[in-house]
């Protein structure tokens, strides 16, 4: 997918950015149900015809924006800089890169997660967080606190992914009072606290 994005016509990318920015601005002013293609096109300074060259309708736009959001995050998490870290540091560095990405695009994430909570974005991010926590638990195996405490794996995943996403939401809602680096270290310490206590 990354290769396809790399060779996309810059004019197409620019138009999609304009549409995305228009959507985010409008979402701060009205509920998503009240939005129309005409309003989005007008705010993006494009024609309705141009909008329809990119998306079938608003639900299709949301679906594709959510896909792009997850692709962008996965690209960040799969980057060489994360892979080069030792296994001991890889988890916290992955959280750091995630938080840095969200901070870089905080206007978008604050609106869709902390202000309006657009379901499709929240659901996709929840799924991604669950995958991150699942990977972490599988890496720890029988050394994880949840395994030693006899906690069901699915319950541990629900708890861990909700805690991670919830912390990010509150961080955005409070205008990111901590740097991504500081918050990543704090989260990593929290995630490891139980394991250290039980070792």
N, C-alpha and C. Protein backbone atom coordinates (compact mmCIF):
# COMPACT_ATOMS: atom_id res chain seq x y z
N UNK A 1 0.82 -1.21 0.00
CA UNK A 1 0.00 0.00 0.00
C UNK A 1 0.86 1.26 0.00
N UNK A 2 2.00 1.19 0.72
CA UNK A 2 2.85 2.38 0.80
C UNK A 2 3.39 2.75 -0.57
N UNK A 3 3.70 1.72 -1.40
CA UNK A 3 4.22 2.00 -2.74
C UNK A 3 3.19 2.72 -3.59
N UNK A 4 1.92 2.33 -3.48
CA UNK A 4 0.86 2.99 -4.24
C UNK A 4 0.76 4.45 -3.87
N UNK A 5 0.84 4.73 -2.57
CA UNK A 5 0.73 6.11 -2.11
C UNK A 5 1.92 6.93 -2.60
N UNK A 6 3.09 6.27 -2.69
CA UNK A 6 4.30 6.96 -3.08
C UNK A 6 4.19 7.53 -4.49
N UNK A 7 3.49 6.81 -5.37
CA UNK A 7 3.41 7.23 -6.77
C UNK A 7 2.07 7.89 -7.13
N UNK A 8 1.27 8.21 -6.14
CA UNK A 8 0.01 8.88 -6.41
C UNK A 8 0.29 10.31 -6.90
N UNK A 9 -0.44 10.74 -7.90
CA UNK A 9 -0.30 12.09 -8.46
C UNK A 9 -0.43 13.12 -7.33
N UNK A 10 0.54 14.02 -7.20
CA UNK A 10 0.51 15.04 -6.13
C UNK A 10 -0.78 15.86 -6.12
N UNK A 11 -1.37 16.06 -7.30
CA UNK A 11 -2.63 16.83 -7.36
C UNK A 11 -3.77 16.08 -6.69
N UNK A 12 -3.76 14.75 -6.83
CA UNK A 12 -4.77 13.92 -6.18
C UNK A 12 -4.59 13.98 -4.67
N UNK A 13 -3.34 13.86 -4.23
CA UNK A 13 -3.05 13.92 -2.79
C UNK A 13 -3.47 15.28 -2.22
N UNK A 14 -3.17 16.35 -2.98
CA UNK A 14 -3.52 17.70 -2.50
C UNK A 14 -5.03 17.85 -2.36
N UNK A 15 -5.77 17.34 -3.33
CA UNK A 15 -7.23 17.43 -3.27
C UNK A 15 -7.77 16.66 -2.07
N UNK A 16 -7.22 15.47 -1.84
CA UNK A 16 -7.67 14.67 -0.69
C UNK A 16 -7.36 15.36 0.63
N UNK A 17 -6.22 16.03 0.69
CA UNK A 17 -5.87 16.78 1.90
C UNK A 17 -6.86 17.92 2.11
N UNK A 18 -7.21 18.62 1.03
CA UNK A 18 -8.20 19.71 1.12
C UNK A 18 -9.55 19.19 1.62
N UNK A 19 -9.96 18.04 1.11
CA UNK A 19 -11.24 17.44 1.53
C UNK A 19 -11.18 17.03 2.99
N UNK A 20 -10.07 16.43 3.37
CA UNK A 20 -9.90 15.99 4.77
C UNK A 20 -9.92 17.18 5.72
N UNK A 21 -9.21 18.24 5.37
CA UNK A 21 -9.18 19.43 6.22
C UNK A 21 -10.56 20.08 6.29
N UNK A 22 -11.27 20.09 5.17
CA UNK A 22 -12.63 20.65 5.16
C UNK A 22 -13.54 19.84 6.06
N UNK A 23 -13.43 18.52 5.99
CA UNK A 23 -14.23 17.63 6.84
C UNK A 23 -13.95 17.90 8.32
N UNK A 24 -12.68 17.99 8.69
CA UNK A 24 -12.31 18.23 10.09
C UNK A 24 -12.85 19.57 10.57
N UNK A 25 -12.73 20.61 9.74
CA UNK A 25 -13.24 21.94 10.13
C UNK A 25 -14.76 21.91 10.31
N UNK A 26 -15.45 21.28 9.37
CA UNK A 26 -16.91 21.21 9.45
C UNK A 26 -17.36 20.39 10.66
N UNK A 27 -16.60 19.37 10.99
CA UNK A 27 -16.96 18.50 12.11
C UNK A 27 -16.92 19.26 13.43
N UNK A 28 -16.13 20.31 13.48
CA UNK A 28 -16.08 21.15 14.69
C UNK A 28 -17.30 22.06 14.78
N UNK A 29 -18.00 22.23 13.66
CA UNK A 29 -19.15 23.14 13.62
C UNK A 29 -20.49 22.44 13.64
N UNK A 30 -20.53 21.17 13.21
CA UNK A 30 -21.81 20.47 13.10
C UNK A 30 -21.64 18.97 13.27
N UNK A 31 -22.75 18.31 13.51
CA UNK A 31 -22.74 16.85 13.60
C UNK A 31 -22.53 16.28 12.20
N UNK A 32 -21.93 15.11 12.15
CA UNK A 32 -21.61 14.50 10.86
C UNK A 32 -22.86 14.22 10.03
N UNK A 33 -23.98 13.94 10.72
CA UNK A 33 -25.23 13.65 10.02
C UNK A 33 -25.74 14.86 9.23
N UNK A 34 -25.34 16.05 9.64
CA UNK A 34 -25.81 17.27 8.98
C UNK A 34 -24.90 17.71 7.83
N UNK A 35 -23.80 17.00 7.66
CA UNK A 35 -22.87 17.36 6.60
C UNK A 35 -23.40 16.92 5.25
N UNK A 36 -23.01 17.65 4.23
CA UNK A 36 -23.38 17.28 2.86
C UNK A 36 -22.14 17.38 1.99
N UNK A 37 -22.19 16.71 0.86
CA UNK A 37 -21.08 16.78 -0.09
C UNK A 37 -20.87 18.24 -0.53
N UNK A 38 -21.97 18.95 -0.72
CA UNK A 38 -21.86 20.35 -1.15
C UNK A 38 -21.10 21.19 -0.13
N UNK A 39 -21.42 20.99 1.15
CA UNK A 39 -20.73 21.76 2.21
C UNK A 39 -19.24 21.44 2.24
N UNK A 40 -18.93 20.14 2.14
CA UNK A 40 -17.52 19.73 2.18
C UNK A 40 -16.78 20.30 0.97
N UNK A 41 -17.39 20.18 -0.21
CA UNK A 41 -16.76 20.68 -1.44
C UNK A 41 -16.53 22.20 -1.36
N UNK A 42 -17.55 22.89 -0.88
CA UNK A 42 -17.44 24.35 -0.76
C UNK A 42 -16.31 24.73 0.19
N UNK A 43 -16.24 24.06 1.35
CA UNK A 43 -15.19 24.37 2.33
C UNK A 43 -13.81 24.01 1.79
N UNK A 44 -13.76 22.96 0.97
CA UNK A 44 -12.47 22.52 0.41
C UNK A 44 -12.08 23.32 -0.84
N UNK A 45 -12.94 24.23 -1.25
CA UNK A 45 -12.75 25.05 -2.46
C UNK A 45 -12.56 24.18 -3.71
N UNK A 46 -13.41 23.15 -3.79
CA UNK A 46 -13.44 22.31 -4.98
C UNK A 46 -14.90 22.18 -5.42
N UNK A 47 -15.10 21.58 -6.58
CA UNK A 47 -16.47 21.37 -7.05
C UNK A 47 -16.99 20.02 -6.53
N UNK A 48 -18.31 19.86 -6.57
CA UNK A 48 -18.91 18.57 -6.20
C UNK A 48 -18.40 17.46 -7.13
N UNK A 49 -18.23 17.81 -8.40
CA UNK A 49 -17.74 16.83 -9.38
C UNK A 49 -16.36 16.31 -8.95
N UNK A 50 -15.52 17.23 -8.49
CA UNK A 50 -14.18 16.83 -8.04
C UNK A 50 -14.26 15.91 -6.83
N UNK A 51 -15.16 16.23 -5.90
CA UNK A 51 -15.36 15.36 -4.73
C UNK A 51 -15.69 13.95 -5.19
N UNK A 52 -16.63 13.84 -6.14
CA UNK A 52 -17.08 12.52 -6.60
C UNK A 52 -16.02 11.78 -7.43
N UNK A 53 -14.99 12.46 -7.84
CA UNK A 53 -13.87 11.78 -8.51
C UNK A 53 -13.05 10.98 -7.49
N UNK A 54 -13.17 11.38 -6.21
CA UNK A 54 -12.39 10.74 -5.15
C UNK A 54 -13.23 9.81 -4.27
N UNK A 55 -14.48 10.18 -4.02
CA UNK A 55 -15.33 9.40 -3.11
C UNK A 55 -16.75 9.27 -3.67
N UNK A 56 -17.37 8.12 -3.43
CA UNK A 56 -18.76 7.92 -3.89
C UNK A 56 -19.73 8.80 -3.13
N UNK A 57 -19.49 8.91 -1.82
CA UNK A 57 -20.36 9.68 -0.94
C UNK A 57 -19.63 9.89 0.38
N UNK A 58 -20.29 10.45 1.39
CA UNK A 58 -19.63 10.73 2.67
C UNK A 58 -19.21 9.45 3.39
N UNK A 59 -20.07 8.40 3.46
CA UNK A 59 -19.62 7.16 4.10
C UNK A 59 -18.37 6.56 3.44
N UNK A 60 -18.30 6.65 2.11
CA UNK A 60 -17.13 6.15 1.40
C UNK A 60 -15.90 7.00 1.75
N UNK A 61 -16.09 8.30 1.87
CA UNK A 61 -15.01 9.20 2.27
C UNK A 61 -14.48 8.81 3.64
N UNK A 62 -15.39 8.57 4.59
CA UNK A 62 -15.00 8.20 5.95
C UNK A 62 -14.24 6.87 5.96
N UNK A 63 -14.74 5.93 5.18
CA UNK A 63 -14.11 4.61 5.09
C UNK A 63 -12.68 4.74 4.58
N UNK A 64 -12.50 5.53 3.52
CA UNK A 64 -11.18 5.67 2.93
C UNK A 64 -10.24 6.49 3.82
N UNK A 65 -10.78 7.48 4.50
CA UNK A 65 -9.96 8.26 5.43
C UNK A 65 -9.50 7.38 6.59
N UNK A 66 -10.39 6.51 7.07
CA UNK A 66 -10.03 5.60 8.16
C UNK A 66 -8.95 4.62 7.70
N UNK A 67 -9.09 4.13 6.46
CA UNK A 67 -8.08 3.23 5.89
C UNK A 67 -6.72 3.93 5.84
N UNK A 68 -6.72 5.18 5.36
CA UNK A 68 -5.48 5.94 5.24
C UNK A 68 -4.86 6.20 6.62
N UNK A 69 -5.71 6.49 7.61
CA UNK A 69 -5.23 6.73 8.97
C UNK A 69 -4.48 5.51 9.50
N UNK A 70 -5.09 4.32 9.34
CA UNK A 70 -4.46 3.10 9.84
C UNK A 70 -3.19 2.78 9.05
N UNK A 71 -3.23 2.99 7.73
CA UNK A 71 -2.03 2.76 6.91
C UNK A 71 -0.88 3.66 7.36
N UNK A 72 -1.21 4.93 7.63
CA UNK A 72 -0.18 5.87 8.07
C UNK A 72 0.43 5.44 9.40
N UNK A 73 -0.42 5.02 10.34
CA UNK A 73 0.07 4.60 11.65
C UNK A 73 0.91 3.33 11.51
N UNK A 74 0.42 2.37 10.72
CA UNK A 74 1.18 1.13 10.55
C UNK A 74 2.52 1.38 9.88
N UNK A 75 2.54 2.35 8.96
CA UNK A 75 3.80 2.73 8.30
C UNK A 75 4.79 3.25 9.34
N UNK A 76 4.30 4.06 10.28
CA UNK A 76 5.13 4.61 11.35
C UNK A 76 5.63 3.49 12.27
N UNK A 77 4.73 2.57 12.64
CA UNK A 77 5.09 1.50 13.57
C UNK A 77 6.00 0.46 12.93
N UNK A 78 5.94 0.32 11.60
CA UNK A 78 6.77 -0.66 10.89
C UNK A 78 8.06 -0.06 10.34
N UNK A 79 8.32 1.18 10.71
CA UNK A 79 9.49 1.87 10.16
C UNK A 79 10.79 1.21 10.62
N UNK A 80 11.83 1.45 9.87
CA UNK A 80 13.14 0.86 10.18
C UNK A 80 13.64 1.32 11.54
N UNK A 81 13.34 2.57 11.92
CA UNK A 81 13.82 3.09 13.20
C UNK A 81 13.25 2.29 14.37
N UNK A 82 12.02 1.78 14.22
CA UNK A 82 11.42 0.95 15.27
C UNK A 82 12.05 -0.44 15.23
N UNK A 83 12.22 -0.99 14.04
CA UNK A 83 12.75 -2.35 13.91
C UNK A 83 14.18 -2.46 14.41
N UNK A 84 14.96 -1.35 14.33
CA UNK A 84 16.36 -1.38 14.72
C UNK A 84 16.53 -1.45 16.24
N UNK A 85 15.47 -1.09 16.98
CA UNK A 85 15.58 -1.10 18.44
C UNK A 85 15.70 -2.52 18.97
N UNK A 86 16.38 -2.65 20.10
CA UNK A 86 16.47 -3.96 20.75
C UNK A 86 15.08 -4.36 21.21
N UNK A 87 14.84 -5.65 21.40
CA UNK A 87 13.51 -6.11 21.80
C UNK A 87 13.09 -5.48 23.11
N UNK A 88 14.07 -5.15 23.97
CA UNK A 88 13.77 -4.53 25.26
C UNK A 88 13.19 -3.13 25.08
N UNK A 89 13.71 -2.40 24.09
CA UNK A 89 13.29 -1.02 23.87
C UNK A 89 12.21 -0.87 22.81
N UNK A 90 11.97 -1.92 22.03
CA UNK A 90 11.07 -1.82 20.88
C UNK A 90 9.66 -1.40 21.27
N UNK A 91 9.15 -1.94 22.39
CA UNK A 91 7.78 -1.64 22.81
C UNK A 91 7.59 -0.15 23.12
N UNK A 92 8.50 0.39 23.93
CA UNK A 92 8.33 1.80 24.30
C UNK A 92 8.59 2.71 23.11
N UNK A 93 9.54 2.29 22.23
CA UNK A 93 9.84 3.11 21.06
C UNK A 93 8.67 3.12 20.10
N UNK A 94 7.96 2.00 20.01
CA UNK A 94 6.77 1.93 19.16
C UNK A 94 5.69 2.87 19.69
N UNK A 95 5.50 2.89 21.02
CA UNK A 95 4.53 3.81 21.63
C UNK A 95 4.95 5.25 21.36
N UNK A 96 6.25 5.51 21.46
CA UNK A 96 6.77 6.86 21.20
C UNK A 96 6.45 7.30 19.78
N UNK A 97 6.73 6.43 18.80
CA UNK A 97 6.46 6.80 17.40
C UNK A 97 4.97 7.02 17.15
N UNK A 98 4.14 6.20 17.80
CA UNK A 98 2.68 6.38 17.69
C UNK A 98 2.27 7.74 18.22
N UNK A 99 2.77 8.10 19.41
CA UNK A 99 2.41 9.39 20.02
C UNK A 99 2.97 10.57 19.23
N UNK A 100 4.17 10.41 18.68
CA UNK A 100 4.75 11.47 17.85
C UNK A 100 3.89 11.70 16.60
N UNK A 101 3.42 10.61 16.01
CA UNK A 101 2.56 10.71 14.82
C UNK A 101 1.25 11.43 15.17
N UNK A 102 0.65 11.05 16.29
CA UNK A 102 -0.61 11.67 16.71
C UNK A 102 -0.40 13.15 17.03
N UNK A 103 0.72 13.47 17.67
CA UNK A 103 1.02 14.87 17.99
C UNK A 103 1.21 15.68 16.71
N UNK A 104 1.86 15.09 15.72
CA UNK A 104 2.10 15.79 14.44
C UNK A 104 0.78 16.10 13.73
N UNK A 105 -0.22 15.22 13.90
CA UNK A 105 -1.52 15.38 13.25
C UNK A 105 -2.62 15.61 14.30
N UNK A 106 -2.26 16.34 15.35
CA UNK A 106 -3.17 16.46 16.51
C UNK A 106 -4.50 17.13 16.18
N UNK A 107 -4.53 18.03 15.20
CA UNK A 107 -5.81 18.68 14.87
C UNK A 107 -6.83 17.65 14.40
N UNK A 108 -6.39 16.74 13.55
CA UNK A 108 -7.26 15.68 13.04
C UNK A 108 -7.68 14.74 14.17
N UNK A 109 -6.70 14.24 14.93
CA UNK A 109 -7.01 13.26 15.97
C UNK A 109 -7.82 13.86 17.12
N UNK A 110 -7.57 15.11 17.44
CA UNK A 110 -8.33 15.72 18.53
C UNK A 110 -9.82 15.80 18.18
N UNK A 111 -10.12 16.16 16.93
CA UNK A 111 -11.52 16.28 16.51
C UNK A 111 -12.19 14.92 16.44
N UNK A 112 -11.55 13.95 15.78
CA UNK A 112 -12.22 12.66 15.56
C UNK A 112 -12.24 11.77 16.78
N UNK A 113 -11.31 12.00 17.74
CA UNK A 113 -11.26 11.14 18.93
C UNK A 113 -11.74 11.83 20.19
N UNK A 114 -11.26 13.06 20.41
CA UNK A 114 -11.52 13.72 21.68
C UNK A 114 -12.72 14.65 21.68
N UNK A 115 -13.12 15.13 20.49
CA UNK A 115 -14.24 16.07 20.44
C UNK A 115 -15.53 15.41 19.97
N UNK A 116 -15.48 14.81 18.79
CA UNK A 116 -16.70 14.27 18.18
C UNK A 116 -16.83 12.75 18.25
N UNK A 117 -15.71 12.07 18.39
CA UNK A 117 -15.72 10.60 18.45
C UNK A 117 -16.47 9.98 17.26
N UNK A 118 -15.90 10.12 16.08
CA UNK A 118 -16.49 9.53 14.88
C UNK A 118 -16.28 8.02 14.98
N UNK A 119 -17.35 7.25 15.05
CA UNK A 119 -17.25 5.80 15.32
C UNK A 119 -16.26 5.04 14.45
N UNK A 120 -16.26 5.28 13.14
CA UNK A 120 -15.39 4.48 12.27
C UNK A 120 -13.91 4.64 12.62
N UNK A 121 -13.51 5.87 13.00
CA UNK A 121 -12.11 6.11 13.36
C UNK A 121 -11.79 5.48 14.72
N UNK A 122 -12.71 5.64 15.67
CA UNK A 122 -12.51 5.07 17.00
C UNK A 122 -12.43 3.55 16.93
N UNK A 123 -13.31 2.95 16.14
CA UNK A 123 -13.32 1.48 16.01
C UNK A 123 -12.04 0.97 15.37
N UNK A 124 -11.58 1.65 14.31
CA UNK A 124 -10.35 1.22 13.65
C UNK A 124 -9.15 1.34 14.58
N UNK A 125 -9.10 2.45 15.33
CA UNK A 125 -8.00 2.64 16.26
C UNK A 125 -8.05 1.64 17.41
N UNK A 126 -9.26 1.34 17.89
CA UNK A 126 -9.41 0.35 18.96
C UNK A 126 -8.87 -1.00 18.50
N UNK A 127 -9.18 -1.35 17.26
CA UNK A 127 -8.70 -2.62 16.70
C UNK A 127 -7.18 -2.63 16.61
N UNK A 128 -6.61 -1.50 16.17
CA UNK A 128 -5.15 -1.41 16.05
C UNK A 128 -4.49 -1.50 17.42
N UNK A 129 -5.07 -0.80 18.42
CA UNK A 129 -4.53 -0.85 19.79
C UNK A 129 -4.58 -2.29 20.33
N UNK A 130 -5.67 -2.99 20.02
CA UNK A 130 -5.81 -4.38 20.45
C UNK A 130 -4.71 -5.24 19.83
N UNK A 131 -4.38 -4.96 18.57
CA UNK A 131 -3.32 -5.72 17.89
C UNK A 131 -1.96 -5.44 18.54
N UNK A 132 -1.74 -4.17 18.95
CA UNK A 132 -0.49 -3.81 19.61
C UNK A 132 -0.38 -4.53 20.96
N UNK A 133 -1.46 -4.52 21.74
CA UNK A 133 -1.45 -5.17 23.05
C UNK A 133 -1.32 -6.68 22.89
N UNK A 134 -1.98 -7.25 21.90
CA UNK A 134 -1.88 -8.70 21.65
C UNK A 134 -0.44 -9.09 21.35
N UNK A 135 0.21 -8.29 20.50
CA UNK A 135 1.61 -8.54 20.15
C UNK A 135 2.49 -8.48 21.40
N UNK A 136 2.20 -7.51 22.25
CA UNK A 136 2.97 -7.34 23.49
C UNK A 136 2.80 -8.55 24.40
N UNK A 137 1.56 -9.01 24.58
CA UNK A 137 1.28 -10.17 25.44
C UNK A 137 1.93 -11.43 24.89
N UNK A 138 1.88 -11.59 23.57
CA UNK A 138 2.49 -12.77 22.95
C UNK A 138 4.00 -12.75 23.09
N UNK A 139 4.57 -11.54 23.05
CA UNK A 139 6.02 -11.39 23.23
C UNK A 139 6.42 -11.78 24.65
N UNK A 140 5.63 -11.36 25.64
CA UNK A 140 5.94 -11.67 27.04
C UNK A 140 5.63 -13.13 27.39
N UNK A 141 4.60 -13.67 26.74
CA UNK A 141 4.23 -15.07 26.99
C UNK A 141 3.90 -15.34 28.44
N UNK A 142 4.51 -16.37 28.99
CA UNK A 142 4.22 -16.76 30.38
C UNK A 142 4.82 -15.79 31.40
N UNK A 143 5.61 -14.81 30.93
CA UNK A 143 6.18 -13.81 31.84
C UNK A 143 5.23 -12.63 32.08
N UNK A 144 4.14 -12.56 31.32
CA UNK A 144 3.23 -11.43 31.48
C UNK A 144 2.45 -11.53 32.79
N UNK A 145 2.13 -10.39 33.34
CA UNK A 145 1.36 -10.34 34.58
C UNK A 145 0.01 -11.03 34.41
N UNK A 146 -0.64 -10.78 33.29
CA UNK A 146 -1.97 -11.35 33.07
C UNK A 146 -1.92 -12.88 33.05
N UNK A 147 -0.86 -13.43 32.47
CA UNK A 147 -0.73 -14.89 32.42
C UNK A 147 -0.53 -15.44 33.84
N UNK A 148 0.37 -14.80 34.59
CA UNK A 148 0.68 -15.26 35.95
C UNK A 148 -0.52 -15.09 36.89
N UNK A 149 -1.32 -14.06 36.62
CA UNK A 149 -2.47 -13.78 37.49
C UNK A 149 -3.71 -14.57 37.07
N UNK A 150 -3.59 -15.33 35.99
CA UNK A 150 -4.72 -16.13 35.52
C UNK A 150 -5.81 -15.32 34.85
N UNK A 151 -5.42 -14.16 34.29
CA UNK A 151 -6.39 -13.30 33.61
C UNK A 151 -6.56 -13.79 32.17
N UNK A 152 -7.80 -13.91 31.74
CA UNK A 152 -8.08 -14.35 30.37
C UNK A 152 -7.41 -13.40 29.38
N UNK A 153 -6.85 -13.96 28.32
CA UNK A 153 -6.11 -13.15 27.35
C UNK A 153 -6.99 -12.08 26.72
N UNK A 154 -8.25 -12.42 26.37
CA UNK A 154 -9.10 -11.42 25.72
C UNK A 154 -9.42 -10.27 26.67
N UNK A 155 -9.58 -10.57 27.96
CA UNK A 155 -9.85 -9.51 28.94
C UNK A 155 -8.63 -8.60 29.08
N UNK A 156 -7.44 -9.19 29.10
CA UNK A 156 -6.20 -8.40 29.20
C UNK A 156 -6.05 -7.50 27.98
N UNK A 157 -6.43 -8.01 26.81
CA UNK A 157 -6.34 -7.22 25.57
C UNK A 157 -7.35 -6.07 25.61
N UNK A 158 -8.58 -6.36 26.02
CA UNK A 158 -9.60 -5.31 26.12
C UNK A 158 -9.13 -4.20 27.05
N UNK A 159 -8.61 -4.61 28.20
CA UNK A 159 -8.16 -3.63 29.21
C UNK A 159 -6.97 -2.81 28.70
N UNK A 160 -5.98 -3.49 28.16
CA UNK A 160 -4.77 -2.81 27.70
C UNK A 160 -5.03 -1.86 26.55
N UNK A 161 -5.82 -2.30 25.57
CA UNK A 161 -6.10 -1.45 24.40
C UNK A 161 -6.97 -0.26 24.78
N UNK A 162 -7.94 -0.48 25.68
CA UNK A 162 -8.79 0.62 26.14
C UNK A 162 -7.98 1.65 26.93
N UNK A 163 -7.05 1.16 27.75
CA UNK A 163 -6.21 2.07 28.55
C UNK A 163 -5.32 2.91 27.64
N UNK A 164 -4.75 2.29 26.62
CA UNK A 164 -3.86 3.01 25.71
C UNK A 164 -4.64 4.06 24.92
N UNK A 165 -5.76 3.66 24.32
CA UNK A 165 -6.56 4.60 23.53
C UNK A 165 -7.16 5.69 24.43
N UNK A 166 -7.63 5.29 25.60
CA UNK A 166 -8.23 6.25 26.54
C UNK A 166 -7.23 7.31 26.98
N UNK A 167 -5.99 6.87 27.23
CA UNK A 167 -4.94 7.82 27.64
C UNK A 167 -4.66 8.82 26.52
N UNK A 168 -4.61 8.32 25.28
CA UNK A 168 -4.37 9.19 24.13
C UNK A 168 -5.50 10.21 23.99
N UNK A 169 -6.74 9.76 24.18
CA UNK A 169 -7.90 10.66 24.08
C UNK A 169 -7.80 11.77 25.13
N UNK A 170 -7.50 11.42 26.38
CA UNK A 170 -7.40 12.43 27.43
C UNK A 170 -6.21 13.36 27.21
N UNK A 171 -5.13 12.81 26.67
CA UNK A 171 -3.95 13.61 26.35
C UNK A 171 -4.31 14.68 25.31
N UNK A 172 -5.05 14.28 24.28
CA UNK A 172 -5.50 15.22 23.25
C UNK A 172 -6.49 16.23 23.80
N UNK A 173 -7.43 15.72 24.60
CA UNK A 173 -8.48 16.57 25.15
C UNK A 173 -7.90 17.67 26.06
N UNK A 174 -6.77 17.36 26.68
CA UNK A 174 -6.11 18.32 27.56
C UNK A 174 -4.99 19.07 26.86
N UNK A 175 -5.05 19.12 25.53
CA UNK A 175 -4.09 19.86 24.71
C UNK A 175 -2.65 19.39 24.91
N UNK A 176 -2.47 18.09 25.01
CA UNK A 176 -1.16 17.45 25.06
C UNK A 176 -0.20 18.12 26.05
N UNK A 177 -0.52 18.08 27.36
CA UNK A 177 0.33 18.74 28.35
C UNK A 177 1.70 18.09 28.52
N UNK A 178 1.87 16.87 28.01
CA UNK A 178 3.15 16.17 28.10
C UNK A 178 3.69 15.90 26.70
N UNK A 179 4.99 15.87 26.57
CA UNK A 179 5.59 15.55 25.28
C UNK A 179 5.35 14.08 24.95
N UNK A 180 5.37 13.71 23.67
CA UNK A 180 5.24 12.30 23.31
C UNK A 180 6.28 11.42 24.01
N UNK A 181 7.51 11.93 24.14
CA UNK A 181 8.59 11.18 24.78
C UNK A 181 8.26 10.89 26.25
N UNK A 182 7.84 11.92 26.97
CA UNK A 182 7.51 11.75 28.39
C UNK A 182 6.33 10.81 28.57
N UNK A 183 5.28 11.00 27.77
CA UNK A 183 4.09 10.16 27.89
C UNK A 183 4.40 8.71 27.52
N UNK A 184 5.23 8.50 26.50
CA UNK A 184 5.61 7.14 26.11
C UNK A 184 6.33 6.43 27.25
N UNK A 185 7.25 7.15 27.91
CA UNK A 185 7.99 6.56 29.04
C UNK A 185 7.03 6.22 30.18
N UNK A 186 6.09 7.12 30.45
CA UNK A 186 5.12 6.90 31.52
C UNK A 186 4.24 5.68 31.21
N UNK A 187 3.74 5.61 29.99
CA UNK A 187 2.89 4.47 29.60
C UNK A 187 3.67 3.16 29.66
N UNK A 188 4.90 3.19 29.18
CA UNK A 188 5.72 1.99 29.20
C UNK A 188 5.96 1.53 30.64
N UNK A 189 6.19 2.49 31.54
CA UNK A 189 6.38 2.14 32.95
C UNK A 189 5.11 1.52 33.54
N UNK A 190 3.96 2.08 33.17
CA UNK A 190 2.69 1.53 33.65
C UNK A 190 2.46 0.12 33.13
N UNK A 191 2.72 -0.09 31.84
CA UNK A 191 2.50 -1.40 31.24
C UNK A 191 3.43 -2.46 31.85
N UNK A 192 4.62 -2.01 32.31
CA UNK A 192 5.59 -2.95 32.85
C UNK A 192 5.52 -3.11 34.36
N UNK A 193 4.76 -2.24 35.02
CA UNK A 193 4.73 -2.24 36.49
C UNK A 193 4.33 -3.60 37.06
N UNK A 194 3.26 -4.18 36.52
CA UNK A 194 2.78 -5.47 37.03
C UNK A 194 3.82 -6.57 36.81
N UNK A 195 4.44 -6.55 35.64
CA UNK A 195 5.42 -7.60 35.35
C UNK A 195 6.61 -7.51 36.30
N UNK A 196 7.06 -6.27 36.58
CA UNK A 196 8.18 -6.08 37.49
C UNK A 196 7.82 -6.51 38.91
N UNK A 197 6.59 -6.20 39.31
CA UNK A 197 6.14 -6.57 40.66
C UNK A 197 6.12 -8.09 40.85
N UNK A 198 5.83 -8.80 39.77
CA UNK A 198 5.64 -10.25 39.90
C UNK A 198 6.91 -11.05 39.60
N UNK A 199 7.92 -10.39 39.05
CA UNK A 199 9.13 -11.13 38.71
C UNK A 199 9.98 -11.38 39.95
